[in-house]
C-alpha atoms as a PDB file:
ATOM      1  CA  MET A   1       0.054   0.026   0.123  1.00  0.00           C
ATOM      2  CA  ARG A   2       2.794   2.422   0.925  1.00  0.00           C
ATOM      3  CA  ILE A   3       4.737   1.579  -2.499  1.00  0.00           C
ATOM      4  CA  LEU A   4       1.324   2.279  -4.292  1.00  0.00           C
ATOM      5  CA  LEU A   5       0.612   5.581  -2.372  1.00  0.00           C
ATOM      6  CA  THR A   6       4.275   6.925  -2.841  1.00  0.00           C
ATOM      7  CA  ALA A   7       3.857   6.028  -6.776  1.00  0.00           C
ATOM      8  CA  PHE A   8       0.521   8.001  -6.932  1.00  0.00           C
ATOM      9  CA  VAL A   9       2.126  10.904  -5.235  1.00  0.00           C
ATOM     10  CA  VAL A  10       5.048  10.956  -7.342  1.00  0.00           C
ATOM     11  CA  LEU A  11       2.903  10.682 -10.549  1.00  0.00           C
ATOM     12  CA  GLY A  12       0.622  13.401  -9.165  1.00  0.00           C
ATOM     13  CA  LEU A  13       3.726  15.725  -8.694  1.00  0.00           C
ATOM     14  CA  ALA A  14       4.878  15.017 -12.217  1.00  0.00           C
ATOM     15  CA  HIS A  15       1.555  16.061 -13.504  1.00  0.00           C
ATOM     16  CA  ALA A  16       1.473  19.226 -11.557  1.00  0.00           C
ATOM     17  CA  ALA A  17       4.869  20.312 -12.706  1.00  0.00           C
ATOM     18  CA  GLU A  18       3.782  21.175 -16.154  1.00  0.00           C
ATOM     19  CA  ARG A  19       1.853  24.397 -16.578  1.00  0.00           C
ATOM     20  CA  SER A  20       1.225  27.262 -19.135  1.00  0.00           C
ATOM     21  CA  ILE A  21       2.808  30.827 -18.692  1.00  0.00           C
ATOM     22  CA  GLY A  22       1.370  32.779 -21.523  1.00  0.00           C
ATOM     23  CA  GLY A  23       2.247  30.903 -24.551  1.00  0.00           C
ATOM     24  CA  VAL A  24       5.147  28.820 -22.896  1.00  0.00           C
ATOM     25  CA  THR A  25       4.783  25.406 -21.343  1.00  0.00           C
ATOM     26  CA  LEU A  26       6.976  24.899 -18.330  1.00  0.00           C
ATOM     27  CA  THR A  27       7.728  21.738 -17.208  1.00  0.00           C
ATOM     28  CA  ARG A  28       9.513  21.642 -13.793  1.00  0.00           C
ATOM     29  CA  ASP A  29      11.746  19.447 -11.805  1.00  0.00           C
ATOM     30  CA  LEU A  30      12.944  16.943 -14.479  1.00  0.00           C
ATOM     31  CA  ASP A  31      15.703  14.548 -12.954  1.00  0.00           C
ATOM     32  CA  TYR A  32      18.741  14.725 -14.788  1.00  0.00           C
ATOM     33  CA  ALA A  33      20.866  12.883 -12.226  1.00  0.00           C
ATOM     34  CA  GLY A  34      18.780   9.863 -11.531  1.00  0.00           C
ATOM     35  CA  ASN A  35      18.368  10.467  -7.770  1.00  0.00           C
ATOM     36  CA  VAL A  36      15.913  12.441  -5.655  1.00  0.00           C
ATOM     37  CA  ASN A  37      18.080  15.372  -4.882  1.00  0.00           C
ATOM     38  CA  PRO A  38      15.922  18.482  -5.364  1.00  0.00           C
ATOM     39  CA  ARG A  39      18.757  20.492  -6.472  1.00  0.00           C
ATOM     40  CA  GLN A  40      19.873  18.162  -9.382  1.00  0.00           C
ATOM     41  CA  LYS A  41      16.968  18.905 -11.396  1.00  0.00           C
ATOM     42  CA  LEU A  42      15.905  21.198 -14.400  1.00  0.00           C
ATOM     43  CA  ASP A  43      13.112  23.251 -15.859  1.00  0.00           C
ATOM     44  CA  LEU A  44      12.149  22.998 -19.393  1.00  0.00           C
ATOM     45  CA  TYR A  45      10.474  25.843 -21.287  1.00  0.00           C
ATOM     46  CA  LEU A  46       8.672  25.102 -24.658  1.00  0.00           C
ATOM     47  CA  PRO A  47       6.767  27.576 -26.928  1.00  0.00           C
ATOM     48  CA  GLU A  48       3.175  26.418 -27.286  1.00  0.00           C
ATOM     49  CA  LYS A  49       3.417  27.664 -30.772  1.00  0.00           C
ATOM     50  CA  ARG A  50       6.568  26.917 -32.682  1.00  0.00           C
ATOM     51  CA  ALA A  51       7.974  29.314 -35.463  1.00  0.00           C
ATOM     52  CA  ASP A  52       8.308  26.335 -37.736  1.00  0.00           C
ATOM     53  CA  GLU A  53       8.578  22.578 -37.506  1.00  0.00           C
ATOM     54  CA  GLU A  54      12.435  22.652 -37.198  1.00  0.00           C
ATOM     55  CA  PRO A  55      14.120  21.470 -33.812  1.00  0.00           C
ATOM     56  CA  LEU A  56      14.331  24.414 -31.500  1.00  0.00           C
ATOM     57  CA  PRO A  57      17.748  25.813 -30.380  1.00  0.00           C
ATOM     58  CA  VAL A  58      18.103  26.021 -26.777  1.00  0.00           C
ATOM     59  CA  ILE A  59      19.088  28.656 -24.435  1.00  0.00           C
ATOM     60  CA  VAL A  60      20.716  27.053 -21.219  1.00  0.00           C
ATOM     61  CA  PHE A  61      20.194  29.251 -17.799  1.00  0.00           C
ATOM     62  CA  ILE A  62      22.444  28.760 -15.072  1.00  0.00           C
ATOM     63  CA  HIS A  63      21.365  30.765 -12.043  1.00  0.00           C
ATOM     64  CA  GLY A  64      23.488  33.073  -9.621  1.00  0.00           C
ATOM     65  CA  GLY A  65      23.716  33.426  -6.135  1.00  0.00           C
ATOM     66  CA  GLY A  66      27.124  33.122  -4.931  1.00  0.00           C
ATOM     67  CA  TRP A  67      27.073  29.329  -5.424  1.00  0.00           C
ATOM     68  CA  GLN A  68      25.207  29.521  -2.024  1.00  0.00           C
ATOM     69  CA  ASN A  69      21.820  30.949  -2.824  1.00  0.00           C
ATOM     70  CA  GLY A  70      19.301  31.142  -5.659  1.00  0.00           C
ATOM     71  CA  ASP A  71      17.547  28.549  -7.732  1.00  0.00           C
ATOM     72  CA  LYS A  72      16.714  27.588 -11.347  1.00  0.00           C
ATOM     73  CA  GLY A  73      13.391  29.612 -11.012  1.00  0.00           C
ATOM     74  CA  ARG A  74      15.235  32.783 -11.980  1.00  0.00           C
ATOM     75  CA  ALA A  75      15.134  31.818 -15.629  1.00  0.00           C
ATOM     76  CA  ARG A  76      11.740  33.699 -16.244  1.00  0.00           C
ATOM     77  CA  ARG A  77      13.815  36.415 -18.129  1.00  0.00           C
ATOM     78  CA  LEU A  78      13.966  33.901 -20.876  1.00  0.00           C
ATOM     79  CA  VAL A  79      10.163  33.476 -21.300  1.00  0.00           C
ATOM     80  CA  PRO A  80       9.798  36.113 -24.118  1.00  0.00           C
ATOM     81  CA  TYR A  81      12.444  34.431 -26.281  1.00  0.00           C
ATOM     82  CA  VAL A  82      10.594  31.095 -25.786  1.00  0.00           C
ATOM     83  CA  ARG A  83       7.102  32.759 -26.451  1.00  0.00           C
ATOM     84  CA  SER A  84       8.301  33.764 -29.834  1.00  0.00           C
ATOM     85  CA  GLY A  85       8.380  30.328 -31.035  1.00  0.00           C
ATOM     86  CA  LYS A  86      12.024  30.423 -31.970  1.00  0.00           C
ATOM     87  CA  PHE A  87      13.742  29.045 -28.887  1.00  0.00           C
ATOM     88  CA  ALA A  88      13.466  26.470 -26.148  1.00  0.00           C
ATOM     89  CA  ALA A  89      15.041  27.238 -22.921  1.00  0.00           C
ATOM     90  CA  VAL A  90      16.358  25.008 -19.867  1.00  0.00           C
ATOM     91  CA  SER A  91      17.103  26.169 -16.462  1.00  0.00           C
ATOM     92  CA  ILE A  92      19.592  23.851 -14.699  1.00  0.00           C
ATOM     93  CA  GLY A  93      19.706  23.756 -10.893  1.00  0.00           C
ATOM     94  CA  TYR A  94      22.928  22.708  -9.124  1.00  0.00           C
ATOM     95  CA  ARG A  95      24.228  21.698  -5.594  1.00  0.00           C
ATOM     96  CA  LEU A  96      24.867  24.683  -3.743  1.00  0.00           C
ATOM     97  CA  THR A  97      28.100  24.945  -1.369  1.00  0.00           C
ATOM     98  CA  ASP A  98      26.159  24.154   1.896  1.00  0.00           C
ATOM     99  CA  GLU A  99      26.092  20.602   0.260  1.00  0.00           C
ATOM    100  CA  ALA A 100      29.158  20.296  -1.874  1.00  0.00           C
ATOM    101  CA  SER A 101      32.186  22.119  -3.030  1.00  0.00           C
ATOM    102  CA  TRP A 102      33.931  22.415  -6.228  1.00  0.00           C
ATOM    103  CA  PRO A 103      33.810  20.662  -8.799  1.00  0.00           C
ATOM    104  CA  ALA A 104      30.093  19.302  -7.822  1.00  0.00           C
ATOM    105  CA  GLN A 105      28.680  22.541  -9.544  1.00  0.00           C
ATOM    106  CA  ILE A 106      30.137  22.110 -12.829  1.00  0.00           C
ATOM    107  CA  HIS A 107      29.406  18.389 -12.749  1.00  0.00           C
ATOM    108  CA  ASP A 108      25.855  19.066 -12.350  1.00  0.00           C
ATOM    109  CA  CYS A 109      25.666  21.674 -14.886  1.00  0.00           C
ATOM    110  CA  LYS A 110      27.470  19.151 -17.393  1.00  0.00           C
ATOM    111  CA  ALA A 111      24.890  16.485 -16.521  1.00  0.00           C
ATOM    112  CA  GLY A 112      22.260  19.002 -17.435  1.00  0.00           C
ATOM    113  CA  ILE A 113      23.509  19.608 -20.595  1.00  0.00           C
ATOM    114  CA  ARG A 114      24.090  15.747 -21.277  1.00  0.00           C
ATOM    115  CA  TRP A 115      20.322  15.544 -20.351  1.00  0.00           C
ATOM    116  CA  ILE A 116      19.252  17.950 -22.850  1.00  0.00           C
ATOM    117  CA  ARG A 117      21.118  16.144 -25.648  1.00  0.00           C
ATOM    118  CA  ALA A 118      19.786  12.761 -24.722  1.00  0.00           C
ATOM    119  CA  HIS A 119      16.108  14.018 -24.800  1.00  0.00           C
ATOM    120  CA  ALA A 120      16.526  16.381 -27.661  1.00  0.00           C
ATOM    121  CA  GLU A 121      14.452  14.203 -30.074  1.00  0.00           C
ATOM    122  CA  LYS A 122      11.810  13.818 -27.573  1.00  0.00           C
ATOM    123  CA  HIS A 123      11.157  17.475 -26.953  1.00  0.00           C
ATOM    124  CA  GLY A 124      12.039  18.610 -30.513  1.00  0.00           C
ATOM    125  CA  LEU A 125      15.370  20.342 -29.606  1.00  0.00           C
ATOM    126  CA  ASP A 126      18.529  20.939 -31.603  1.00  0.00           C
ATOM    127  CA  PRO A 127      21.314  19.719 -29.605  1.00  0.00           C
ATOM    128  CA  GLY A 128      23.760  21.253 -31.949  1.00  0.00           C
ATOM    129  CA  ARG A 129      22.484  24.646 -31.113  1.00  0.00           C
ATOM    130  CA  MET A 130      22.959  25.570 -27.309  1.00  0.00           C
ATOM    131  CA  VAL A 131      23.806  28.780 -25.827  1.00  0.00           C
ATOM    132  CA  ALA A 132      24.752  28.781 -22.169  1.00  0.00           C
ATOM    133  CA  PHE A 133      23.596  31.995 -20.279  1.00  0.00           C
ATOM    134  CA  GLY A 134      24.068  32.947 -16.555  1.00  0.00           C
ATOM    135  CA  PRO A 135      24.794  35.973 -14.252  1.00  0.00           C
ATOM    136  CA  SER A 136      27.501  36.086 -11.539  1.00  0.00           C
ATOM    137  CA  ALA A 137      28.024  32.721 -10.077  1.00  0.00           C
ATOM    138  CA  GLY A 138      26.031  31.424 -13.136  1.00  0.00           C
ATOM    139  CA  GLY A 139      28.156  33.483 -15.366  1.00  0.00           C
ATOM    140  CA  HIS A 140      31.386  31.644 -13.801  1.00  0.00           C
ATOM    141  CA  LEU A 141      29.428  28.254 -14.535  1.00  0.00           C
ATOM    142  CA  VAL A 142      28.502  29.059 -18.032  1.00  0.00           C
ATOM    143  CA  ALA A 143      32.154  30.227 -18.811  1.00  0.00           C
ATOM    144  CA  MET A 144      33.472  27.081 -17.456  1.00  0.00           C
ATOM    145  CA  LEU A 145      30.973  25.082 -19.733  1.00  0.00           C
ATOM    146  CA  GLY A 146      32.471  27.182 -22.554  1.00  0.00           C
ATOM    147  CA  VAL A 147      35.965  26.474 -21.693  1.00  0.00           C
ATOM    148  CA  SER A 148      36.029  22.688 -20.542  1.00  0.00           C
ATOM    149  CA  GLY A 149      33.799  20.933 -23.312  1.00  0.00           C
ATOM    150  CA  GLY A 150      36.508  18.529 -23.966  1.00  0.00           C
ATOM    151  CA  ASP A 151      37.977  18.258 -20.434  1.00  0.00           C
ATOM    152  CA  LYS A 152      37.284  14.707 -18.994  1.00  0.00           C
ATOM    153  CA  LYS A 153      38.573  15.723 -15.679  1.00  0.00           C
ATOM    154  CA  LEU A 154      35.569  18.094 -15.210  1.00  0.00           C
ATOM    155  CA  GLU A 155      33.058  15.894 -16.665  1.00  0.00           C
ATOM    156  CA  GLY A 156      31.877  14.116 -13.605  1.00  0.00           C
ATOM    157  CA  GLU A 157      29.894  10.957 -13.390  1.00  0.00           C
ATOM    158  CA  ILE A 158      26.430  12.372 -12.773  1.00  0.00           C
ATOM    159  CA  GLY A 159      23.291  10.963 -14.329  1.00  0.00           C
ATOM    160  CA  PRO A 160      22.834   8.074 -16.634  1.00  0.00           C
ATOM    161  CA  HIS A 161      23.752   9.959 -19.961  1.00  0.00           C
ATOM    162  CA  LEU A 162      27.651   9.995 -19.744  1.00  0.00           C
ATOM    163  CA  GLY A 163      28.009   8.875 -23.380  1.00  0.00           C
ATOM    164  CA  GLU A 164      26.542  12.419 -24.329  1.00  0.00           C
ATOM    165  CA  SER A 165      28.652  15.395 -24.949  1.00  0.00           C
ATOM    166  CA  SER A 166      28.463  18.419 -22.426  1.00  0.00           C
ATOM    167  CA  ALA A 167      29.918  20.940 -24.979  1.00  0.00           C
ATOM    168  CA  VAL A 168      27.904  24.199 -25.769  1.00  0.00           C
ATOM    169  CA  SER A 169      27.949  26.151 -29.041  1.00  0.00           C
ATOM    170  CA  ALA A 170      28.245  29.650 -27.421  1.00  0.00           C
ATOM    171  CA  VAL A 171      28.324  31.396 -24.106  1.00  0.00           C
ATOM    172  CA  ILE A 172      26.713  34.550 -22.523  1.00  0.00           C
ATOM    173  CA  ASP A 173      28.614  35.468 -19.233  1.00  0.00           C
ATOM    174  CA  PHE A 174      27.174  38.328 -17.289  1.00  0.00           C
ATOM    175  CA  PHE A 175      29.619  39.634 -14.809  1.00  0.00           C
ATOM    176  CA  GLY A 176      30.897  36.122 -13.737  1.00  0.00           C
ATOM    177  CA  PRO A 177      34.124  35.560 -11.938  1.00  0.00           C
ATOM    178  CA  ALA A 178      36.915  34.286 -14.266  1.00  0.00           C
ATOM    179  CA  ASN A 179      40.207  34.131 -12.139  1.00  0.00           C
ATOM    180  CA  PHE A 180      39.908  33.376  -8.382  1.00  0.00           C
ATOM    181  CA  VAL A 181      43.689  33.657  -8.117  1.00  0.00           C
ATOM    182  CA  THR A 182      43.577  37.245  -8.747  1.00  0.00           C
ATOM    183  CA  MET A 183      40.071  38.161  -7.448  1.00  0.00           C
ATOM    184  CA  SER A 184      41.075  39.411  -4.127  1.00  0.00           C
ATOM    185  CA  SER A 185      43.652  41.767  -5.462  1.00  0.00           C
ATOM    186  CA  GLN A 186      41.267  43.745  -7.485  1.00  0.00           C
ATOM    187  CA  GLU A 187      38.802  46.538  -6.509  1.00  0.00           C
ATOM    188  CA  SER A 188      35.798  45.041  -4.445  1.00  0.00           C
ATOM    189  CA  ARG A 189      33.850  45.994  -1.434  1.00  0.00           C
ATOM    190  CA  VAL A 190      33.557  42.423  -0.261  1.00  0.00           C
ATOM    191  CA  PRO A 191      36.413  40.040   0.748  1.00  0.00           C
ATOM    192  CA  HIS A 192      37.183  37.146  -1.421  1.00  0.00           C
ATOM    193  CA  ASP A 193      40.092  35.737   0.306  1.00  0.00           C
ATOM    194  CA  THR A 194      38.619  34.115   3.198  1.00  0.00           C
ATOM    195  CA  ALA A 195      37.294  30.652   3.937  1.00  0.00           C
ATOM    196  CA  THR A 196      33.858  31.984   4.585  1.00  0.00           C
ATOM    197  CA  SER A 197      33.446  34.077   1.658  1.00  0.00           C
ATOM    198  CA  PRO A 198      31.334  32.810  -1.235  1.00  0.00           C
ATOM    199  CA  GLU A 199      34.572  31.699  -3.205  1.00  0.00           C
ATOM    200  CA  GLY A 200      35.978  30.241   0.029  1.00  0.00           C
ATOM    201  CA  LYS A 201      32.799  28.187   0.276  1.00  0.00           C
ATOM    202  CA  LEU A 202      33.013  27.002  -3.179  1.00  0.00           C
ATOM    203  CA  LEU A 203      36.747  26.046  -3.082  1.00  0.00           C
ATOM    204  CA  GLY A 204      36.661  24.369   0.153  1.00  0.00           C
ATOM    205  CA  GLY A 205      39.252  27.111   1.597  1.00  0.00           C
ATOM    206  CA  ALA A 206      40.440  30.453   1.092  1.00  0.00           C
ATOM    207  CA  PRO A 207      41.772  30.682  -2.498  1.00  0.00           C
ATOM    208  CA  GLN A 208      45.281  31.585  -1.602  1.00  0.00           C
ATOM    209  CA  ASP A 209      45.098  28.364   0.728  1.00  0.00           C
ATOM    210  CA  VAL A 210      43.941  26.097  -1.972  1.00  0.00           C
ATOM    211  CA  PRO A 211      45.872  27.381  -5.086  1.00  0.00           C
ATOM    212  CA  ALA A 212      45.268  24.321  -7.238  1.00  0.00           C
ATOM    213  CA  VAL A 213      41.609  24.353  -6.543  1.00  0.00           C
ATOM    214  CA  ALA A 214      41.302  27.895  -7.416  1.00  0.00           C
ATOM    215  CA  ARG A 215      43.222  27.509 -10.613  1.00  0.00           C
ATOM    216  CA  ASN A 216      40.944  24.381 -11.688  1.00  0.00           C
ATOM    217  CA  ALA A 217      37.878  26.376 -10.842  1.00  0.00           C
ATOM    218  CA  SER A 218      38.927  29.733 -12.756  1.00  0.00           C
ATOM    219  CA  PRO A 219      37.769  29.636 -16.367  1.00  0.00           C
ATOM    220  CA  GLN A 220      40.695  31.825 -17.435  1.00  0.00           C
ATOM    221  CA  HIS A 221      43.015  29.049 -16.628  1.00  0.00           C
ATOM    222  CA  HIS A 222      41.378  26.547 -18.837  1.00  0.00           C
ATOM    223  CA  ILE A 223      41.297  28.600 -22.159  1.00  0.00           C
ATOM    224  CA  ASP A 224      43.095  26.669 -25.069  1.00  0.00           C
ATOM    225  CA  GLY A 225      41.815  28.296 -28.108  1.00  0.00           C
ATOM    226  CA  ASP A 226      39.051  25.623 -28.914  1.00  0.00           C
ATOM    227  CA  GLU A 227      36.221  27.628 -27.354  1.00  0.00           C
ATOM    228  CA  PRO A 228      32.849  28.631 -28.704  1.00  0.00           C
ATOM    229  CA  PRO A 229      32.065  32.336 -29.262  1.00  0.00           C
ATOM    230  CA  PHE A 230      31.679  34.347 -25.997  1.00  0.00           C
ATOM    231  CA  LEU A 231      29.464  37.449 -25.200  1.00  0.00           C
ATOM    232  CA  VAL A 232      30.870  38.977 -21.956  1.00  0.00           C
ATOM    233  CA  VAL A 233      28.763  41.760 -20.248  1.00  0.00           C
ATOM    234  CA  HIS A 234      29.804  43.566 -17.190  1.00  0.00           C
ATOM    235  CA  GLY A 235      29.291  46.858 -15.263  1.00  0.00           C
ATOM    236  CA  ASP A 236      32.305  49.148 -14.611  1.00  0.00           C
ATOM    237  CA  ARG A 237      30.976  49.931 -11.100  1.00  0.00           C
ATOM    238  CA  ASP A 238      30.530  46.338 -10.023  1.00  0.00           C
ATOM    239  CA  ARG A 239      31.766  46.334  -6.426  1.00  0.00           C
ATOM    240  CA  ILE A 240      31.196  42.521  -5.894  1.00  0.00           C
ATOM    241  CA  VAL A 241      32.780  40.677  -9.006  1.00  0.00           C
ATOM    242  CA  PRO A 242      35.446  42.972  -9.975  1.00  0.00           C
ATOM    243  CA  TYR A 243      35.124  44.493 -13.482  1.00  0.00           C
ATOM    244  CA  ALA A 244      38.758  43.608 -13.844  1.00  0.00           C
ATOM    245  CA  GLN A 245      37.755  39.867 -13.854  1.00  0.00           C
ATOM    246  CA  SER A 246      36.000  40.327 -17.324  1.00  0.00           C
ATOM    247  CA  VAL A 247      38.528  42.595 -18.818  1.00  0.00           C
ATOM    248  CA  ASP A 248      41.274  40.036 -17.989  1.00  0.00           C
ATOM    249  CA  PHE A 249      39.064  37.031 -19.128  1.00  0.00           C
ATOM    250  CA  VAL A 250      38.153  38.742 -22.356  1.00  0.00           C
ATOM    251  CA  LYS A 251      42.022  39.603 -23.005  1.00  0.00           C
ATOM    252  CA  ALA A 252      42.871  35.855 -22.340  1.00  0.00           C
ATOM    253  CA  LEU A 253      40.156  34.697 -24.732  1.00  0.00           C
ATOM    254  CA  ARG A 254      41.360  37.093 -27.533  1.00  0.00           C
ATOM    255  CA  ALA A 255      44.843  35.969 -27.087  1.00  0.00           C
ATOM    256  CA  LYS A 256      43.889  32.301 -28.010  1.00  0.00           C
ATOM    257  CA  ASP A 257      41.895  33.814 -30.967  1.00  0.00           C
ATOM    258  CA  VAL A 258      38.505  32.913 -29.296  1.00  0.00           C
ATOM    259  CA  ASP A 259      35.552  34.872 -30.990  1.00  0.00           C
ATOM    260  CA  THR A 260      34.534  37.498 -28.172  1.00  0.00           C
ATOM    261  CA  THR A 261      32.510  40.325 -27.902  1.00  0.00           C
ATOM    262  CA  PHE A 262      32.714  42.372 -24.747  1.00  0.00           C
ATOM    263  CA  ILE A 263      29.963  44.825 -23.550  1.00  0.00           C
ATOM    264  CA  THR A 264      30.812  47.268 -20.662  1.00  0.00           C
ATOM    265  CA  VAL A 265      27.937  48.804 -19.174  1.00  0.00           C
ATOM    266  CA  ASP A 266      29.177  52.300 -17.963  1.00  0.00           C
ATOM    267  CA  GLY A 267      28.045  53.148 -14.414  1.00  0.00           C
ATOM    268  CA  ALA A 268      26.269  50.021 -13.834  1.00  0.00           C
ATOM    269  CA  GLY A 269      26.978  47.649 -10.562  1.00  0.00           C
ATOM    270  CA  HIS A 270      26.362  44.108  -9.954  1.00  0.00           C
ATOM    271  CA  GLY A 271      23.486  43.424 -12.252  1.00  0.00           C
ATOM    272  CA  GLN A 272      22.192  46.780 -11.690  1.00  0.00           C
ATOM    273  CA  GLY A 273      21.533  49.512 -14.415  1.00  0.00           C
ATOM    274  CA  PHE A 274      21.443  47.008 -17.352  1.00  0.00           C
ATOM    275  CA  GLY A 275      18.923  48.473 -19.755  1.00  0.00           C
ATOM    276  CA  PRO A 276      17.224  47.521 -23.084  1.00  0.00           C
ATOM    277  CA  ASP A 277      20.516  48.160 -24.985  1.00  0.00           C
ATOM    278  CA  VAL A 278      22.043  45.139 -23.080  1.00  0.00           C
ATOM    279  CA  GLU A 279      19.071  43.013 -23.976  1.00  0.00           C
ATOM    280  CA  LYS A 280      19.538  43.913 -27.574  1.00  0.00           C
ATOM    281  CA  ALA A 281      22.956  42.930 -27.657  1.00  0.00           C
ATOM    282  CA  VAL A 282      21.835  39.604 -26.116  1.00  0.00           C
ATOM    283  CA  SER A 283      19.220  39.037 -28.716  1.00  0.00           C
ATOM    284  CA  SER A 284      21.690  39.819 -31.457  1.00  0.00           C
ATOM    285  CA  PHE A 285      24.062  37.294 -29.924  1.00  0.00           C
ATOM    286  CA  LEU A 286      21.426  34.645 -29.846  1.00  0.00           C
ATOM    287  CA  GLY A 287      20.048  35.462 -33.250  1.00  0.00           C
ATOM    288  CA  LYS A 288      23.552  35.129 -34.947  1.00  0.00           C
ATOM    289  CA  HIS A 289      24.556  31.868 -32.931  1.00  0.00           C
ATOM    290  CA  LEU A 290      21.328  30.163 -32.701  1.00  0.00           C
ATOM    291  CA  LEU A 291      19.198  31.344 -35.678  1.00  0.00           C
ATOM    292  CA  GLY A 292      21.975  32.057 -38.208  1.00  0.00           C
ATOM    293  CA  GLU A 293      20.820  35.820 -38.448  1.00  0.00           C
ATOM    294  CA  ASP A 294      23.153  38.290 -39.992  1.00  0.00           C
ATOM    295  CA  HIS A 295      24.188  40.494 -36.912  1.00  0.00           C
ATOM    296  CA  GLU A 296      27.336  42.496 -36.558  1.00  0.00           C
ATOM    297  CA  LEU A 297      28.574  41.852 -33.037  1.00  0.00           C
ATOM    298  CA  LYS A 298      31.183  44.381 -31.678  1.00  0.00           C
ATOM    299  CA  ASP A 299      32.530  45.619 -28.500  1.00  0.00           C
ATOM    300  CA  ALA A 300      30.551  48.597 -26.931  1.00  0.00           C
ATOM    301  CA  THR A 301      30.404  50.652 -23.897  1.00  0.00           C
ATOM    302  CA  LEU A 302      26.626  51.368 -23.116  1.00  0.00           C
ATOM    303  CA  LYS A 303      25.401  53.688 -20.580  1.00  0.00           C
ATOM    304  CA  ALA A 304      23.725  52.223 -17.293  1.00  0.00           C
ATOM    305  CA  GLY A 305      19.780  52.073 -17.789  1.00  0.00           C
ATOM    306  CA  GLY A 306      20.298  52.600 -21.747  1.00  0.00           C
END
C-alpha cells in the first residue's frame, strides 16, 4: 500500500509540474541525475506555438547567487524568447556550497547539458545549437562550460547519460568571476580571500590556501583556443565581482583567438543598471549563433539604464 501511495504521489507531482505561462509550457523539476536530490533537477520551457517545424535551439540558463543561494526558477527572463516560438530554454539547478564544494557545481551543470542532448529528439530540440547563459556565479559556471567542453577531468559521473557531450555552442557570461587567483587583489567592497567568502565556500578554503583548486575552478586557466563564441557583459561599477575579472578574461580569450564580444555597462553595478540596450546585444548574439541571422557583433560601452 505504501509503495502504491508513493507512486501515486510521484505521478501527481509530475503531472502538476507542467503548466502554461502565457504561450510557454513550463515543465519543472525534471531529474537529470537519476536521484531524488531537489537541486539536481532542471526546468524545461517550450513554446506552445513554434515558429516552424524545425528542432528548436536551446538557451541554457544557470542561476547566480554566489554558489550558495538562488535557484533555477530565476530563468523567467527567458520566457519572451521562448514565447517567440524560435527558442526553447532549460534552467539547470545545481548543488550549492552548503551541500558540496567544487567541482560538484560544474559536474551538475554538465550532467544537465547531457540530459538535454539525450532528450533532444523527444522534445524537438536541436542539440547542436545550445547557448549557455548565466549571471554572476551562473556567469562563472557558463564560462566553465564554454572552456571545458573536452575536459574529461571536469566531466564528472552524474546521471545516466555519460555518453553524451556536455559542450555548448556559445556562451553569454554576465559579470561572472573568471580567475579566483587574482580576484582578491582587484577592487571590491567584499572580501574574496577568506574561507567563509562565497569563493572560499566554493573552493573548500580561502583561494590562497587552495591554489590548485582555485586555478581548476577558474575559467581563465582553462582557455586553449578551442572555445565557442563568447559574449561577456559587465558593469564597470561592480563592487562585488570586480570589473577587472571580465577585462582580463576577455584579453585571455582573445589571446587564443576566441570569438569574443565585450559589452561594458558604464556606471552599472552588480547586475544593476542593465537596460534595453544590453538586451538588444543579447538578442543579436542569440540571433547570430542560434538562428543564423546576420548580426554584426562588436564591443560597446553602453550607458547604465540605456
